Amino acid sequence: MTRRKFSREFKREAVLLVKQRGVSVAQAARDLDLHGTVLRRWIHEFGDSPDGAFPGKGLLQPEAEEVRRLRREVVKLKAERDILKKAVVHSIDHRNI
């Protein structure tokens, strides 16, 4: 069975159907031929910031992009630290010889 893909606009309209028009999640899910948990997840992802919801392939919300950038920086800094530690140990070993 192939996984269905939905556009950002479809997800947004489905969420707004529940949030603004007052349709129940169960009814909206039936009407849109979705599973209720899928629609509930979309509602959760939509949250209070509709502009950043459902960013699509390869795109991240600003907070997630910042976390990703910081994690890469931490990896880089740890590698630099480890190199400096090895250099210090190596220089100490050569002084004792």
C-alpha atoms as a PDB file:
ATOM      1  CA  MET A   1       0.000   0.000   0.000  1.00  0.00           C
ATOM      2  CA  THR A   2       1.368   3.404  -0.970  1.00  0.00           C
ATOM      3  CA  ARG A   3       1.578   6.123   1.620  1.00  0.00           C
ATOM      4  CA  ARG A   4      -0.614   9.078   0.752  1.00  0.00           C
ATOM      5  CA  LYS A   5       0.915  12.529   0.649  1.00  0.00           C
ATOM      6  CA  PHE A   6      -0.993  15.703   1.365  1.00  0.00           C
ATOM      7  CA  SER A   7      -0.141  19.234   0.395  1.00  0.00           C
ATOM      8  CA  ARG A   8       0.488  21.930   2.957  1.00  0.00           C
ATOM      9  CA  GLU A   9      -2.714  23.667   1.833  1.00  0.00           C
ATOM     10  CA  PHE A  10      -4.795  20.521   2.334  1.00  0.00           C
ATOM     11  CA  LYS A  11      -3.449  20.041   5.860  1.00  0.00           C
ATOM     12  CA  ARG A  12      -4.038  23.690   6.683  1.00  0.00           C
ATOM     13  CA  GLU A  13      -7.626  23.589   5.431  1.00  0.00           C
ATOM     14  CA  ALA A  14      -8.292  20.365   7.329  1.00  0.00           C
ATOM     15  CA  VAL A  15      -7.041  21.946  10.564  1.00  0.00           C
ATOM     16  CA  LEU A  16      -9.014  25.142   9.982  1.00  0.00           C
ATOM     17  CA  LEU A  17     -12.136  23.054   9.400  1.00  0.00           C
ATOM     18  CA  VAL A  18     -11.833  21.862  12.990  1.00  0.00           C
ATOM     19  CA  LYS A  19     -10.433  25.001  14.632  1.00  0.00           C
ATOM     20  CA  GLN A  20     -12.475  27.723  12.962  1.00  0.00           C
ATOM     21  CA  ARG A  21     -15.619  26.023  11.750  1.00  0.00           C
ATOM     22  CA  GLY A  22     -16.155  23.889  14.827  1.00  0.00           C
ATOM     23  CA  VAL A  23     -16.387  20.548  13.021  1.00  0.00           C
ATOM     24  CA  SER A  24     -15.406  17.659  15.272  1.00  0.00           C
ATOM     25  CA  VAL A  25     -12.119  15.912  14.582  1.00  0.00           C
ATOM     26  CA  ALA A  26     -13.932  12.613  14.029  1.00  0.00           C
ATOM     27  CA  GLN A  27     -16.387  14.128  11.541  1.00  0.00           C
ATOM     28  CA  ALA A  28     -13.705  16.065   9.663  1.00  0.00           C
ATOM     29  CA  ALA A  29     -11.542  12.954   9.452  1.00  0.00           C
ATOM     30  CA  ARG A  30     -14.435  10.941   8.026  1.00  0.00           C
ATOM     31  CA  ASP A  31     -15.305  13.668   5.540  1.00  0.00           C
ATOM     32  CA  LEU A  32     -11.699  13.962   4.359  1.00  0.00           C
ATOM     33  CA  ASP A  33     -11.068  10.200   4.363  1.00  0.00           C
ATOM     34  CA  LEU A  34      -8.348  10.496   7.008  1.00  0.00           C
ATOM     35  CA  HIS A  35      -7.596   8.634  10.184  1.00  0.00           C
ATOM     36  CA  GLY A  36      -8.467  10.692  13.271  1.00  0.00           C
ATOM     37  CA  THR A  37      -4.946  10.436  14.668  1.00  0.00           C
ATOM     38  CA  VAL A  38      -3.518  11.935  11.476  1.00  0.00           C
ATOM     39  CA  LEU A  39      -5.790  14.950  11.751  1.00  0.00           C
ATOM     40  CA  ARG A  40      -5.043  15.317  15.466  1.00  0.00           C
ATOM     41  CA  ARG A  41      -1.297  15.294  14.692  1.00  0.00           C
ATOM     42  CA  TRP A  42      -1.810  17.988  12.063  1.00  0.00           C
ATOM     43  CA  ILE A  43      -3.753  20.075  14.583  1.00  0.00           C
ATOM     44  CA  HIS A  44      -0.909  19.675  17.077  1.00  0.00           C
ATOM     45  CA  GLU A  45       1.723  20.593  14.446  1.00  0.00           C
ATOM     46  CA  PHE A  46      -0.352  23.581  13.367  1.00  0.00           C
ATOM     47  CA  GLY A  47      -0.416  24.837  16.960  1.00  0.00           C
ATOM     48  CA  ASP A  48      -0.518  28.568  17.415  1.00  0.00           C
ATOM     49  CA  SER A  49       1.878  29.400  14.580  1.00  0.00           C
ATOM     50  CA  PRO A  50       0.154  28.594  11.298  1.00  0.00           C
ATOM     51  CA  ASP A  51       2.909  30.229   9.246  1.00  0.00           C
ATOM     52  CA  GLY A  52       5.537  27.732  10.377  1.00  0.00           C
ATOM     53  CA  ALA A  53       3.311  24.659  10.241  1.00  0.00           C
ATOM     54  CA  PHE A  54       3.913  21.875   7.724  1.00  0.00           C
ATOM     55  CA  PRO A  55       7.199  23.175   6.303  1.00  0.00           C
ATOM     56  CA  GLY A  56       7.555  20.370   3.746  1.00  0.00           C
ATOM     57  CA  LYS A  57      10.498  18.310   2.556  1.00  0.00           C
ATOM     58  CA  GLY A  58      13.826  19.514   3.805  1.00  0.00           C
ATOM     59  CA  LEU A  59      12.424  22.665   5.333  1.00  0.00           C
ATOM     60  CA  LEU A  60      12.360  23.188   9.055  1.00  0.00           C
ATOM     61  CA  GLN A  61      10.631  25.547  11.368  1.00  0.00           C
ATOM     62  CA  PRO A  62      12.977  28.320  12.544  1.00  0.00           C
ATOM     63  CA  GLU A  63      13.427  26.765  15.999  1.00  0.00           C
ATOM     64  CA  ALA A  64      14.220  23.348  14.545  1.00  0.00           C
ATOM     65  CA  GLU A  65      16.701  24.877  12.108  1.00  0.00           C
ATOM     66  CA  GLU A  66      18.437  26.679  14.982  1.00  0.00           C
ATOM     67  CA  VAL A  67      18.659  23.442  16.997  1.00  0.00           C
ATOM     68  CA  ARG A  68      20.075  21.658  13.969  1.00  0.00           C
ATOM     69  CA  ARG A  69      22.695  24.392  13.448  1.00  0.00           C
ATOM     70  CA  LEU A  70      23.683  24.361  17.122  1.00  0.00           C
ATOM     71  CA  ARG A  71      24.053  20.578  17.151  1.00  0.00           C
ATOM     72  CA  ARG A  72      26.405  20.759  14.166  1.00  0.00           C
ATOM     73  CA  GLU A  73      28.385  23.453  15.961  1.00  0.00           C
ATOM     74  CA  VAL A  74      28.632  21.324  19.124  1.00  0.00           C
ATOM     75  CA  VAL A  75      30.023  18.413  17.100  1.00  0.00           C
ATOM     76  CA  LYS A  76      32.590  20.710  15.500  1.00  0.00           C
ATOM     77  CA  LEU A  77      33.620  22.242  18.829  1.00  0.00           C
ATOM     78  CA  LYS A  78      33.981  18.822  20.475  1.00  0.00           C
ATOM     79  CA  ALA A  79      36.240  17.695  17.637  1.00  0.00           C
ATOM     80  CA  GLU A  80      38.373  20.828  18.030  1.00  0.00           C
ATOM     81  CA  ARG A  81      38.548  20.279  21.791  1.00  0.00           C
ATOM     82  CA  ASP A  82      39.638  16.676  21.330  1.00  0.00           C
ATOM     83  CA  ILE A  83      42.369  17.747  18.909  1.00  0.00           C
ATOM     84  CA  LEU A  84      43.660  20.315  21.424  1.00  0.00           C
ATOM     85  CA  LYS A  85      43.594  17.742  24.241  1.00  0.00           C
ATOM     86  CA  LYS A  86      45.678  15.346  22.155  1.00  0.00           C
ATOM     87  CA  ALA A  87      48.110  18.122  21.273  1.00  0.00           C
ATOM     88  CA  VAL A  88      48.595  19.021  24.936  1.00  0.00           C
ATOM     89  CA  VAL A  89      49.131  15.387  25.938  1.00  0.00           C
ATOM     90  CA  HIS A  90      51.539  14.911  23.031  1.00  0.00           C
ATOM     91  CA  SER A  91      53.571  18.008  23.972  1.00  0.00           C
ATOM     92  CA  ILE A  92      53.722  16.919  27.642  1.00  0.00           C
ATOM     93  CA  ASP A  93      54.940  13.450  26.623  1.00  0.00           C
ATOM     94  CA  HIS A  94      57.724  14.943  24.511  1.00  0.00           C
ATOM     95  CA  ARG A  95      58.920  17.157  27.370  1.00  0.00           C
ATOM     96  CA  ASN A  96      59.314  14.149  29.663  1.00  0.00           C
ATOM     97  CA  ILE A  97      61.519  12.316  27.185  1.00  0.00           C
END
